[in-house]
């Protein structure tokens, strides 16, 4: 009888722990999405201006473009110490990757295919 109570108590604790973990994971995911949206909104105007000023044989025209799209904030972890961030815009088939840390734009490349460092 005591063994059954212990087993039931342990199962109840496991279910409660899994529920708590799920709840905290959901709360963190909501906070991460909110922070990502805030950062993307903060960087957007700066990225558009830098992309339109960038020197390239293919002009990047966000303002007045027929088909524009925000791909968003991306990041690639090169090693355990280096993370490279990029904000990618697409206007009329031309990609522009903006590095918010270096404040530099590259046109005509896909973020995952460009050279790192």
PDB file of N, CA and C in Angstrom:
ATOM      1  N   UNK A   1       0.825  -1.198   0.000  1.00  0.00           N
ATOM      2  CA  UNK A   1       0.000   0.000   0.000  1.00  0.00           C
ATOM      3  C   UNK A   1       0.869   1.263   0.000  1.00  0.00           C
ATOM      4  N   UNK A   2       1.898   1.262   0.832  1.00  0.00           N
ATOM      5  CA  UNK A   2       2.796   2.409   0.894  1.00  0.00           C
ATOM      6  C   UNK A   2       3.535   2.583  -0.432  1.00  0.00           C
ATOM      7  N   UNK A   3       3.939   1.468  -1.036  1.00  0.00           N
ATOM      8  CA  UNK A   3       4.643   1.516  -2.318  1.00  0.00           C
ATOM      9  C   UNK A   3       3.760   2.142  -3.402  1.00  0.00           C
ATOM     10  N   UNK A   4       2.485   1.778  -3.410  1.00  0.00           N
ATOM     11  CA  UNK A   4       1.556   2.334  -4.399  1.00  0.00           C
ATOM     12  C   UNK A   4       1.397   3.848  -4.210  1.00  0.00           C
ATOM     13  N   UNK A   5       1.322   4.300  -2.983  1.00  0.00           N
ATOM     14  CA  UNK A   5       1.207   5.740  -2.716  1.00  0.00           C
ATOM     15  C   UNK A   5       2.459   6.472  -3.158  1.00  0.00           C
ATOM     16  N   UNK A   6       3.610   5.872  -2.935  1.00  0.00           N
ATOM     17  CA  UNK A   6       4.873   6.498  -3.358  1.00  0.00           C
ATOM     18  C   UNK A   6       4.915   6.595  -4.872  1.00  0.00           C
ATOM     19  N   UNK A   7       4.542   5.530  -5.564  1.00  0.00           N
ATOM     20  CA  UNK A   7       4.543   5.529  -7.038  1.00  0.00           C
ATOM     21  C   UNK A   7       3.569   6.565  -7.569  1.00  0.00           C
ATOM     22  N   UNK A   8       2.384   6.639  -7.021  1.00  0.00           N
ATOM     23  CA  UNK A   8       1.390   7.628  -7.460  1.00  0.00           C
ATOM     24  C   UNK A   8       1.892   9.039  -7.175  1.00  0.00           C
ATOM     25  N   UNK A   9       2.502   9.253  -6.017  1.00  0.00           N
ATOM     26  CA  UNK A   9       3.057  10.565  -5.684  1.00  0.00           C
ATOM     27  C   UNK A   9       4.159  10.983  -6.643  1.00  0.00           C
ATOM     28  N   UNK A  10       5.028  10.031  -6.991  1.00  0.00           N
ATOM     29  CA  UNK A  10       6.112  10.326  -7.940  1.00  0.00           C
ATOM     30  C   UNK A  10       5.524  10.645  -9.316  1.00  0.00           C
ATOM     31  N   UNK A  11       4.530   9.902  -9.756  1.00  0.00           N
ATOM     32  CA  UNK A  11       3.899  10.181 -11.048  1.00  0.00           C
ATOM     33  C   UNK A  11       3.232  11.551 -11.065  1.00  0.00           C
ATOM     34  N   UNK A  12       2.566  11.911  -9.978  1.00  0.00           N
ATOM     35  CA  UNK A  12       1.944  13.239  -9.897  1.00  0.00           C
ATOM     36  C   UNK A  12       3.015  14.322  -9.965  1.00  0.00           C
ATOM     37  N   UNK A  13       4.125  14.125  -9.272  1.00  0.00           N
ATOM     38  CA  UNK A  13       5.219  15.101  -9.321  1.00  0.00           C
ATOM     39  C   UNK A  13       5.819  15.217 -10.718  1.00  0.00           C
ATOM     40  N   UNK A  14       5.960  14.090 -11.413  1.00  0.00           N
ATOM     41  CA  UNK A  14       6.499  14.107 -12.782  1.00  0.00           C
ATOM     42  C   UNK A  14       5.564  14.857 -13.717  1.00  0.00           C
ATOM     43  N   UNK A  15       4.262  14.593 -13.615  1.00  0.00           N
ATOM     44  CA  UNK A  15       3.287  15.289 -14.463  1.00  0.00           C
ATOM     45  C   UNK A  15       3.297  16.785 -14.162  1.00  0.00           C
ATOM     46  N   UNK A  16       3.357  17.146 -12.883  1.00  0.00           N
ATOM     47  CA  UNK A  16       3.405  18.570 -12.513  1.00  0.00           C
ATOM     48  C   UNK A  16       4.673  19.223 -13.034  1.00  0.00           C
ATOM     49  N   UNK A  17       5.803  18.526 -12.945  1.00  0.00           N
ATOM     50  CA  UNK A  17       7.071  19.077 -13.443  1.00  0.00           C
ATOM     51  C   UNK A  17       7.026  19.271 -14.952  1.00  0.00           C
ATOM     52  N   UNK A  18       6.479  18.305 -15.672  1.00  0.00           N
ATOM     53  CA  UNK A  18       6.364  18.443 -17.130  1.00  0.00           C
ATOM     54  C   UNK A  18       5.435  19.602 -17.499  1.00  0.00           C
ATOM     55  N   UNK A  19       4.368  19.758 -16.770  1.00  0.00           N
ATOM     56  CA  UNK A  19       3.474  20.891 -17.009  1.00  0.00           C
ATOM     57  C   UNK A  19       4.163  22.220 -16.764  1.00  0.00           C
ATOM     58  N   UNK A  20       4.947  22.305 -15.686  1.00  0.00           N
ATOM     59  CA  UNK A  20       5.676  23.544 -15.375  1.00  0.00           C
ATOM     60  C   UNK A  20       6.713  23.844 -16.450  1.00  0.00           C
ATOM     61  N   UNK A  21       7.426  22.825 -16.905  1.00  0.00           N
ATOM     62  CA  UNK A  21       8.422  23.015 -17.968  1.00  0.00           C
ATOM     63  C   UNK A  21       7.747  23.501 -19.244  1.00  0.00           C
ATOM     64  N   UNK A  22       6.629  22.903 -19.601  1.00  0.00           N
ATOM     65  CA  UNK A  22       5.893  23.340 -20.792  1.00  0.00           C
ATOM     66  C   UNK A  22       5.426  24.774 -20.684  1.00  0.00           C
ATOM     67  N   UNK A  23       4.942  25.142 -19.509  1.00  0.00           N
ATOM     68  CA  UNK A  23       4.480  26.519 -19.305  1.00  0.00           C
ATOM     69  C   UNK A  23       5.630  27.504 -19.436  1.00  0.00           C
ATOM     70  N   UNK A  24       6.763  27.241 -18.799  1.00  0.00           N
ATOM     71  CA  UNK A  24       7.900  28.157 -18.881  1.00  0.00           C
ATOM     72  C   UNK A  24       8.481  28.217 -20.284  1.00  0.00           C
ATOM     73  N   UNK A  25       8.473  27.094 -21.003  1.00  0.00           N
ATOM     74  CA  UNK A  25       8.937  27.099 -22.388  1.00  0.00           C
ATOM     75  C   UNK A  25       8.029  27.974 -23.249  1.00  0.00           C
ATOM     76  N   UNK A  26       6.725  27.871 -23.050  1.00  0.00           N
ATOM     77  CA  UNK A  26       5.775  28.696 -23.799  1.00  0.00           C
ATOM     78  C   UNK A  26       5.985  30.174 -23.492  1.00  0.00           C
ATOM     79  N   UNK A  27       6.168  30.525 -22.194  1.00  0.00           N
ATOM     80  CA  UNK A  27       6.386  31.920 -21.814  1.00  0.00           C
ATOM     81  C   UNK A  27       7.673  32.462 -22.443  1.00  0.00           C
ATOM     82  N   UNK A  28       8.732  31.672 -22.458  1.00  0.00           N
ATOM     83  CA  UNK A  28       9.993  32.112 -23.052  1.00  0.00           C
ATOM     84  C   UNK A  28       9.856  32.292 -24.558  1.00  0.00           C
ATOM     85  N   UNK A  29       9.129  31.398 -25.214  1.00  0.00           N
ATOM     86  CA  UNK A  29       8.929  31.515 -26.656  1.00  0.00           C
ATOM     87  C   UNK A  29       8.178  32.803 -26.994  1.00  0.00           C
ATOM     88  N   UNK A  30       7.187  33.156 -26.199  1.00  0.00           N
ATOM     89  CA  UNK A  30       6.440  34.403 -26.411  1.00  0.00           C
ATOM     90  C   UNK A  30       7.370  35.602 -26.226  1.00  0.00           C
ATOM     91  N   UNK A  31       8.196  35.581 -25.204  1.00  0.00           N
ATOM     92  CA  UNK A  31       9.120  36.690 -24.966  1.00  0.00           C
ATOM     93  C   UNK A  31      10.149  36.809 -26.074  1.00  0.00           C
ATOM     94  N   UNK A  32      10.649  35.675 -26.575  1.00  0.00           N
ATOM     95  CA  UNK A  32      11.627  35.705 -27.667  1.00  0.00           C
ATOM     96  C   UNK A  32      10.992  36.260 -28.935  1.00  0.00           C
ATOM     97  N   UNK A  33       9.760  35.850 -29.254  1.00  0.00           N
ATOM     98  CA  UNK A  33       9.082  36.392 -30.436  1.00  0.00           C
ATOM     99  C   UNK A  33       8.861  37.892 -30.304  1.00  0.00           C
ATOM    100  N   UNK A  34       8.499  38.335 -29.111  1.00  0.00           N
ATOM    101  CA  UNK A  34       8.278  39.768 -28.882  1.00  0.00           C
ATOM    102  C   UNK A  34       9.583  40.535 -29.050  1.00  0.00           C
ATOM    103  N   UNK A  35      10.663  40.024 -28.493  1.00  0.00           N
ATOM    104  CA  UNK A  35      11.945  40.710 -28.610  1.00  0.00           C
ATOM    105  C   UNK A  35      12.423  40.722 -30.057  1.00  0.00           C
ATOM    106  N   UNK A  36      12.239  39.631 -30.791  1.00  0.00           N
ATOM    107  CA  UNK A  36      12.638  39.574 -32.186  1.00  0.00           C
ATOM    108  C   UNK A  36      11.851  40.600 -33.006  1.00  0.00           C
ATOM    109  N   UNK A  37      10.561  40.710 -32.759  1.00  0.00           N
ATOM    110  CA  UNK A  37       9.743  41.693 -33.477  1.00  0.00           C
ATOM    111  C   UNK A  37      10.201  43.109 -33.158  1.00  0.00           C
ATOM    112  N   UNK A  38      10.536  43.373 -31.906  1.00  0.00           N
ATOM    113  CA  UNK A  38      11.016  44.701 -31.522  1.00  0.00           C
ATOM    114  C   UNK A  38      12.336  45.021 -32.226  1.00  0.00           C
ATOM    115  N   UNK A  39      13.268  44.077 -32.223  1.00  0.00           N
ATOM    116  CA  UNK A  39      14.572  44.300 -32.872  1.00  0.00           C
ATOM    117  C   UNK A  39      14.384  44.497 -34.369  1.00  0.00           C
ATOM    118  N   UNK A  40      13.547  43.675 -34.993  1.00  0.00           N
ATOM    119  CA  UNK A  40      13.314  43.830 -36.428  1.00  0.00           C
ATOM    120  C   UNK A  40      12.708  45.189 -36.754  1.00  0.00           C
ATOM    121  N   UNK A  41      11.776  45.648 -35.949  1.00  0.00           N
ATOM    122  CA  UNK A  41      11.188  46.970 -36.172  1.00  0.00           C
ATOM    123  C   UNK A  41      12.191  48.087 -35.965  1.00  0.00           C
ATOM    124  N   UNK A  42      13.084  47.907 -35.029  1.00  0.00           N
ATOM    125  CA  UNK A  42      14.104  48.911 -34.723  1.00  0.00           C
ATOM    126  C   UNK A  42      15.130  49.009 -35.857  1.00  0.00           C
ATOM    127  N   UNK A  43      15.453  47.887 -36.481  1.00  0.00           N
ATOM    128  CA  UNK A  43      16.512  47.828 -37.491  1.00  0.00           C
ATOM    129  C   UNK A  43      15.984  48.130 -38.893  1.00  0.00           C
ATOM    130  N   UNK A  44      14.681  48.004 -39.115  1.00  0.00           N
ATOM    131  CA  UNK A  44      14.122  48.060 -40.465  1.00  0.00           C
ATOM    132  C   UNK A  44      14.510  49.322 -41.242  1.00  0.00           C
ATOM    133  N   UNK A  45      14.250  50.505 -40.687  1.00  0.00           N
ATOM    134  CA  UNK A  45      14.534  51.750 -41.420  1.00  0.00           C
ATOM    135  C   UNK A  45      16.011  51.895 -41.730  1.00  0.00           C
ATOM    136  N   UNK A  46      16.839  51.525 -40.766  1.00  0.00           N
ATOM    137  CA  UNK A  46      18.285  51.596 -40.964  1.00  0.00           C
ATOM    138  C   UNK A  46      18.725  50.625 -42.061  1.00  0.00           C
ATOM    139  N   UNK A  47      18.140  49.445 -42.099  1.00  0.00           N
ATOM    140  CA  UNK A  47      18.482  48.446 -43.109  1.00  0.00           C
ATOM    141  C   UNK A  47      18.071  48.911 -44.504  1.00  0.00           C
ATOM    142  N   UNK A  48      16.885  49.475 -44.636  1.00  0.00           N
ATOM    143  CA  UNK A  48      16.427  49.961 -45.942  1.00  0.00           C
ATOM    144  C   UNK A  48      17.355  51.061 -46.456  1.00  0.00           C
ATOM    145  N   UNK A  49      17.703  51.999 -45.594  1.00  0.00           N
ATOM    146  CA  UNK A  49      18.590  53.091 -46.010  1.00  0.00           C
ATOM    147  C   UNK A  49      19.960  52.569 -46.414  1.00  0.00           C
ATOM    148  N   UNK A  50      20.519  51.656 -45.640  1.00  0.00           N
ATOM    149  CA  UNK A  50      21.843  51.114 -45.956  1.00  0.00           C
ATOM    150  C   UNK A  50      21.812  50.296 -47.245  1.00  0.00           C
ATOM    151  N   UNK A  51      20.751  49.538 -47.460  1.00  0.00           N
ATOM    152  CA  UNK A  51      20.650  48.732 -48.675  1.00  0.00           C
ATOM    153  C   UNK A  51      20.512  49.607 -49.918  1.00  0.00           C
ATOM    154  N   UNK A  52      19.767  50.687 -49.814  1.00  0.00           N
ATOM    155  CA  UNK A  52      19.617  51.567 -50.973  1.00  0.00           C
ATOM    156  C   UNK A  52      20.896  52.346 -51.276  1.00  0.00           C
ATOM    157  N   UNK A  53      21.732  52.590 -50.265  1.00  0.00           N
ATOM    158  CA  UNK A  53      23.006  53.289 -50.467  1.00  0.00           C
ATOM    159  C   UNK A  53      24.132  52.367 -50.909  1.00  0.00           C
ATOM    160  N   UNK A  54      23.991  51.072 -50.712  1.00  0.00           N
ATOM    161  CA  UNK A  54      25.075  50.132 -50.993  1.00  0.00           C
ATOM    162  C   UNK A  54      25.440  50.141 -52.475  1.00  0.00           C
ATOM    163  N   UNK A  55      26.744  50.058 -52.731  1.00  0.00           N
ATOM    164  CA  UNK A  55      27.240  50.040 -54.103  1.00  0.00           C
ATOM    165  C   UNK A  55      27.098  48.636 -54.683  1.00  0.00           C
ATOM    166  N   UNK A  56      26.452  48.546 -55.843  1.00  0.00           N
ATOM    167  CA  UNK A  56      26.262  47.258 -56.487  1.00  0.00           C
ATOM    168  C   UNK A  56      25.898  47.477 -57.949  1.00  0.00           C
ATOM    169  N   UNK A  57      26.212  46.473 -58.759  1.00  0.00           N
ATOM    170  CA  UNK A  57      25.814  46.558 -60.169  1.00  0.00           C
ATOM    171  C   UNK A  57      24.299  46.357 -60.304  1.00  0.00           C
ATOM    172  N   UNK A  58      23.694  45.721 -59.326  1.00  0.00           N
ATOM    173  CA  UNK A  58      22.249  45.536 -59.300  1.00  0.00           C
ATOM    174  C   UNK A  58      21.663  46.493 -58.270  1.00  0.00           C
ATOM    175  N   UNK A  59      20.914  47.489 -58.692  1.00  0.00           N
ATOM    176  CA  UNK A  59      20.373  48.445 -57.711  1.00  0.00           C
ATOM    177  C   UNK A  59      19.299  47.815 -56.827  1.00  0.00           C
ATOM    178  N   UNK A  60      19.301  48.218 -55.589  1.00  0.00           N
ATOM    179  CA  UNK A  60      18.293  47.769 -54.632  1.00  0.00           C
ATOM    180  C   UNK A  60      17.340  48.926 -54.402  1.00  0.00           C
ATOM    181  N   UNK A  61      16.098  48.762 -54.834  1.00  0.00           N
ATOM    182  CA  UNK A  61      15.090  49.813 -54.716  1.00  0.00           C
ATOM    183  C   UNK A  61      13.933  49.323 -53.848  1.00  0.00           C
ATOM    184  N   UNK A  62      13.990  49.613 -52.563  1.00  0.00           N
ATOM    185  CA  UNK A  62      12.893  49.241 -51.669  1.00  0.00           C
ATOM    186  C   UNK A  62      11.726  50.189 -51.887  1.00  0.00           C
ATOM    187  N   UNK A  63      12.017  51.486 -51.832  1.00  0.00           N
ATOM    188  CA  UNK A  63      10.980  52.496 -52.067  1.00  0.00           C
ATOM    189  C   UNK A  63      10.702  52.536 -53.557  1.00  0.00           C
ATOM    190  N   UNK A  64       9.496  52.253 -53.935  1.00  0.00           N
ATOM    191  CA  UNK A  64       9.140  52.220 -55.349  1.00  0.00           C
ATOM    192  C   UNK A  64       9.280  50.835 -55.954  1.00  0.00           C
ATOM    193  N   UNK A  65       9.687  49.856 -55.164  1.00  0.00           N
ATOM    194  CA  UNK A  65       9.792  48.490 -55.673  1.00  0.00           C
ATOM    195  C   UNK A  65       8.416  47.870 -55.861  1.00  0.00           C
ATOM    196  N   UNK A  66       8.287  47.038 -56.874  1.00  0.00           N
ATOM    197  CA  UNK A  66       6.995  46.408 -57.152  1.00  0.00           C
ATOM    198  C   UNK A  66       6.730  45.228 -56.229  1.00  0.00           C
ATOM    199  N   UNK A  67       7.765  44.492 -55.896  1.00  0.00           N
ATOM    200  CA  UNK A  67       7.616  43.311 -55.043  1.00  0.00           C
ATOM    201  C   UNK A  67       8.662  43.384 -53.937  1.00  0.00           C
ATOM    202  N   UNK A  68       8.247  43.742 -52.740  1.00  0.00           N
ATOM    203  CA  UNK A  68       9.165  43.857 -51.618  1.00  0.00           C
ATOM    204  C   UNK A  68       8.756  42.895 -50.514  1.00  0.00           C
ATOM    205  N   UNK A  69       9.755  42.383 -49.821  1.00  0.00           N
ATOM    206  CA  UNK A  69       9.479  41.430 -48.756  1.00  0.00           C
ATOM    207  C   UNK A  69      10.569  41.498 -47.698  1.00  0.00           C
ATOM    208  N   UNK A  70      10.167  41.399 -46.447  1.00  0.00           N
ATOM    209  CA  UNK A  70      11.115  41.331 -45.340  1.00  0.00           C
ATOM    210  C   UNK A  70      11.296  39.861 -45.000  1.00  0.00           C
ATOM    211  N   UNK A  71      12.501  39.366 -45.174  1.00  0.00           N
ATOM    212  CA  UNK A  71      12.777  37.980 -44.811  1.00  0.00           C
ATOM    213  C   UNK A  71      13.013  37.897 -43.315  1.00  0.00           C
ATOM    214  N   UNK A  72      13.659  38.911 -42.757  1.00  0.00           N
ATOM    215  CA  UNK A  72      13.753  39.001 -41.309  1.00  0.00           C
ATOM    216  C   UNK A  72      15.144  38.877 -40.760  1.00  0.00           C
ATOM    217  N   UNK A  73      15.183  38.760 -39.459  1.00  0.00           N
ATOM    218  CA  UNK A  73      16.432  38.685 -38.716  1.00  0.00           C
ATOM    219  C   UNK A  73      16.900  37.243 -38.684  1.00  0.00           C
ATOM    220  N   UNK A  74      18.123  37.014 -39.148  1.00  0.00           N
ATOM    221  CA  UNK A  74      18.712  35.684 -39.183  1.00  0.00           C
ATOM    222  C   UNK A  74      19.994  35.701 -38.369  1.00  0.00           C
ATOM    223  N   UNK A  75      20.428  34.561 -37.948  1.00  0.00           N
ATOM    224  CA  UNK A  75      21.722  34.472 -37.292  1.00  0.00           C
ATOM    225  C   UNK A  75      22.339  33.113 -37.559  1.00  0.00           C
ATOM    226  N   UNK A  76      23.656  33.111 -37.639  1.00  0.00           N
ATOM    227  CA  UNK A  76      24.410  31.891 -37.826  1.00  0.00           C
ATOM    228  C   UNK A  76      25.472  31.858 -36.750  1.00  0.00           C
ATOM    229  N   UNK A  77      25.582  30.762 -36.047  1.00  0.00           N
ATOM    230  CA  UNK A  77      26.592  30.618 -35.006  1.00  0.00           C
ATOM    231  C   UNK A  77      27.800  29.937 -35.630  1.00  0.00           C
ATOM    232  N   UNK A  78      28.889  30.688 -35.788  1.00  0.00           N
ATOM    233  CA  UNK A  78      30.082  30.148 -36.419  1.00  0.00           C
ATOM    234  C   UNK A  78      30.828  29.193 -35.494  1.00  0.00           C
ATOM    235  N   UNK A  79      30.956  29.561 -34.268  1.00  0.00           N
ATOM    236  CA  UNK A  79      31.534  28.687 -33.250  1.00  0.00           C
ATOM    237  C   UNK A  79      30.888  29.050 -31.923  1.00  0.00           C
ATOM    238  N   UNK A  80      31.428  28.556 -30.825  1.00  0.00           N
ATOM    239  CA  UNK A  80      30.745  28.811 -29.559  1.00  0.00           C
ATOM    240  C   UNK A  80      30.876  30.247 -29.078  1.00  0.00           C
ATOM    241  N   UNK A  81      31.717  31.068 -29.718  1.00  0.00           N
ATOM    242  CA  UNK A  81      31.900  32.452 -29.298  1.00  0.00           C
ATOM    243  C   UNK A  81      31.388  33.477 -30.309  1.00  0.00           C
ATOM    244  N   UNK A  82      31.189  33.100 -31.557  1.00  0.00           N
ATOM    245  CA  UNK A  82      30.838  34.064 -32.600  1.00  0.00           C
ATOM    246  C   UNK A  82      29.470  33.764 -33.203  1.00  0.00           C
ATOM    247  N   UNK A  83      28.590  34.764 -33.151  1.00  0.00           N
ATOM    248  CA  UNK A  83      27.286  34.689 -33.796  1.00  0.00           C
ATOM    249  C   UNK A  83      27.201  35.849 -34.770  1.00  0.00           C
ATOM    250  N   UNK A  84      26.865  35.561 -36.016  1.00  0.00           N
ATOM    251  CA  UNK A  84      26.753  36.588 -37.040  1.00  0.00           C
ATOM    252  C   UNK A  84      25.274  36.831 -37.297  1.00  0.00           C
ATOM    253  N   UNK A  85      24.850  38.085 -37.151  1.00  0.00           N
ATOM    254  CA  UNK A  85      23.444  38.438 -37.356  1.00  0.00           C
ATOM    255  C   UNK A  85      23.280  39.130 -38.697  1.00  0.00           C
ATOM    256  N   UNK A  86      22.119  38.969 -39.300  1.00  0.00           N
ATOM    257  CA  UNK A  86      21.814  39.630 -40.556  1.00  0.00           C
ATOM    258  C   UNK A  86      20.320  39.888 -40.634  1.00  0.00           C
ATOM    259  N   UNK A  87      19.971  41.033 -41.203  1.00  0.00           N
ATOM    260  CA  UNK A  87      18.577  41.388 -41.452  1.00  0.00           C
ATOM    261  C   UNK A  87      18.435  41.401 -42.961  1.00  0.00           C
ATOM    262  N   UNK A  88      17.605  40.521 -43.507  1.00  0.00           N
ATOM    263  CA  UNK A  88      17.530  40.330 -44.945  1.00  0.00           C
ATOM    264  C   UNK A  88      16.252  40.926 -45.514  1.00  0.00           C
ATOM    265  N   UNK A  89      16.423  41.695 -46.596  1.00  0.00           N
ATOM    266  CA  UNK A  89      15.314  42.288 -47.335  1.00  0.00           C
ATOM    267  C   UNK A  89      15.362  41.777 -48.771  1.00  0.00           C
ATOM    268  N   UNK A  90      14.219  41.699 -49.414  1.00  0.00           N
ATOM    269  CA  UNK A  90      14.115  41.288 -50.804  1.00  0.00           C
ATOM    270  C   UNK A  90      13.246  42.290 -51.544  1.00  0.00           C
ATOM    271  N   UNK A  91      13.807  42.895 -52.587  1.00  0.00           N
ATOM    272  CA  UNK A  91      13.050  43.866 -53.385  1.00  0.00           C
ATOM    273  C   UNK A  91      13.254  43.563 -54.860  1.00  0.00           C
ATOM    274  N   UNK A  92      12.179  43.230 -55.532  1.00  0.00           N
ATOM    275  CA  UNK A  92      12.202  42.928 -56.967  1.00  0.00           C
ATOM    276  C   UNK A  92      13.255  41.888 -57.311  1.00  0.00           C
ATOM    277  N   UNK A  93      13.364  40.845 -56.491  1.00  0.00           N
ATOM    278  CA  UNK A  93      14.281  39.744 -56.763  1.00  0.00           C
ATOM    279  C   UNK A  93      15.712  39.988 -56.334  1.00  0.00           C
ATOM    280  N   UNK A  94      16.006  41.117 -55.725  1.00  0.00           N
ATOM    281  CA  UNK A  94      17.365  41.435 -55.287  1.00  0.00           C
ATOM    282  C   UNK A  94      17.431  41.320 -53.767  1.00  0.00           C
ATOM    283  N   UNK A  95      18.319  40.459 -53.285  1.00  0.00           N
ATOM    284  CA  UNK A  95      18.506  40.289 -51.845  1.00  0.00           C
ATOM    285  C   UNK A  95      19.457  41.350 -51.310  1.00  0.00           C
ATOM    286  N   UNK A  96      19.198  41.788 -50.094  1.00  0.00           N
ATOM    287  CA  UNK A  96      20.120  42.673 -49.403  1.00  0.00           C
ATOM    288  C   UNK A  96      20.231  42.185 -47.964  1.00  0.00           C
ATOM    289  N   UNK A  97      21.443  41.856 -47.562  1.00  0.00           N
ATOM    290  CA  UNK A  97      21.709  41.437 -46.188  1.00  0.00           C
ATOM    291  C   UNK A  97      22.333  42.611 -45.455  1.00  0.00           C
ATOM    292  N   UNK A  98      21.718  43.008 -44.360  1.00  0.00           N
ATOM    293  CA  UNK A  98      22.213  44.118 -43.553  1.00  0.00           C
ATOM    294  C   UNK A  98      22.730  43.575 -42.227  1.00  0.00           C
ATOM    295  N   UNK A  99      23.961  43.905 -41.904  1.00  0.00           N
ATOM    296  CA  UNK A  99      24.558  43.494 -40.635  1.00  0.00           C
ATOM    297  C   UNK A  99      24.332  44.617 -39.631  1.00  0.00           C
ATOM    298  N   UNK A 100      23.439  44.430 -38.652  1.00  0.00           N
ATOM    299  CA  UNK A 100      23.124  45.509 -37.719  1.00  0.00           C
ATOM    300  C   UNK A 100      24.271  45.861 -36.770  1.00  0.00           C
ATOM    301  N   UNK A 101      25.223  44.970 -36.595  1.00  0.00           N
ATOM    302  CA  UNK A 101      26.350  45.252 -35.714  1.00  0.00           C
ATOM    303  C   UNK A 101      27.393  46.097 -36.444  1.00  0.00           C
ATOM    304  N   UNK A 102      27.758  45.689 -37.656  1.00  0.00           N
ATOM    305  CA  UNK A 102      28.738  46.442 -38.454  1.00  0.00           C
ATOM    306  C   UNK A 102      28.094  47.596 -39.207  1.00  0.00           C
ATOM    307  N   UNK A 103      26.751  47.591 -39.280  1.00  0.00           N
ATOM    308  CA  UNK A 103      25.987  48.592 -40.041  1.00  0.00           C
ATOM    309  C   UNK A 103      26.431  48.635 -41.498  1.00  0.00           C
ATOM    310  N   UNK A 104      26.510  47.453 -42.096  1.00  0.00           N
ATOM    311  CA  UNK A 104      26.974  47.311 -43.470  1.00  0.00           C
ATOM    312  C   UNK A 104      25.966  46.455 -44.240  1.00  0.00           C
ATOM    313  N   UNK A 105      25.723  46.835 -45.482  1.00  0.00           N
ATOM    314  CA  UNK A 105      24.780  46.103 -46.323  1.00  0.00           C
ATOM    315  C   UNK A 105      25.518  45.445 -47.482  1.00  0.00           C
ATOM    316  N   UNK A 106      25.072  44.245 -47.831  1.00  0.00           N
ATOM    317  CA  UNK A 106      25.590  43.527 -48.996  1.00  0.00           C
ATOM    318  C   UNK A 106      24.414  43.186 -49.891  1.00  0.00           C
ATOM    319  N   UNK A 107      24.551  43.477 -51.175  1.00  0.00           N
ATOM    320  CA  UNK A 107      23.453  43.255 -52.119  1.00  0.00           C
ATOM    321  C   UNK A 107      23.760  42.056 -53.001  1.00  0.00           C
ATOM    322  N   UNK A 108      22.700  41.320 -53.330  1.00  0.00           N
ATOM    323  CA  UNK A 108      22.809  40.244 -54.291  1.00  0.00           C
ATOM    324  C   UNK A 108      23.287  38.932 -53.722  1.00  0.00           C
ATOM    325  N   UNK A 109      23.351  38.831 -52.422  1.00  0.00           N
ATOM    326  CA  UNK A 109      23.797  37.573 -51.830  1.00  0.00           C
ATOM    327  C   UNK A 109      22.721  37.055 -50.897  1.00  0.00           C
ATOM    328  N   UNK A 110      22.718  35.773 -50.743  1.00  0.00           N
ATOM    329  CA  UNK A 110      21.857  35.180 -49.738  1.00  0.00           C
ATOM    330  C   UNK A 110      22.688  35.056 -48.472  1.00  0.00           C
ATOM    331  N   UNK A 111      22.113  35.338 -47.348  1.00  0.00           N
ATOM    332  CA  UNK A 111      22.849  35.398 -46.090  1.00  0.00           C
ATOM    333  C   UNK A 111      23.623  34.103 -45.827  1.00  0.00           C
ATOM    334  N   UNK A 112      23.028  32.978 -46.090  1.00  0.00           N
ATOM    335  CA  UNK A 112      23.669  31.708 -45.786  1.00  0.00           C
ATOM    336  C   UNK A 112      24.766  31.356 -46.774  1.00  0.00           C
ATOM    337  N   UNK A 113      24.797  32.014 -47.938  1.00  0.00           N
ATOM    338  CA  UNK A 113      25.810  31.696 -48.946  1.00  0.00           C
ATOM    339  C   UNK A 113      26.966  32.683 -48.948  1.00  0.00           C
ATOM    340  N   UNK A 114      26.859  33.806 -48.278  1.00  0.00           N
ATOM    341  CA  UNK A 114      27.934  34.790 -48.341  1.00  0.00           C
ATOM    342  C   UNK A 114      29.124  34.364 -47.489  1.00  0.00           C
ATOM    343  N   UNK A 115      30.265  34.963 -47.772  1.00  0.00           N
ATOM    344  CA  UNK A 115      31.480  34.634 -47.037  1.00  0.00           C
ATOM    345  C   UNK A 115      31.416  35.214 -45.641  1.00  0.00           C
ATOM    346  N   UNK A 116      31.887  34.454 -44.689  1.00  0.00           N
ATOM    347  CA  UNK A 116      31.913  34.897 -43.300  1.00  0.00           C
ATOM    348  C   UNK A 116      33.346  35.255 -42.946  1.00  0.00           C
ATOM    349  N   UNK A 117      33.529  36.423 -42.426  1.00  0.00           N
ATOM    350  CA  UNK A 117      34.817  36.933 -41.963  1.00  0.00           C
ATOM    351  C   UNK A 117      35.829  36.768 -43.029  1.00  0.00           C
TER     352      UNK A 117
END
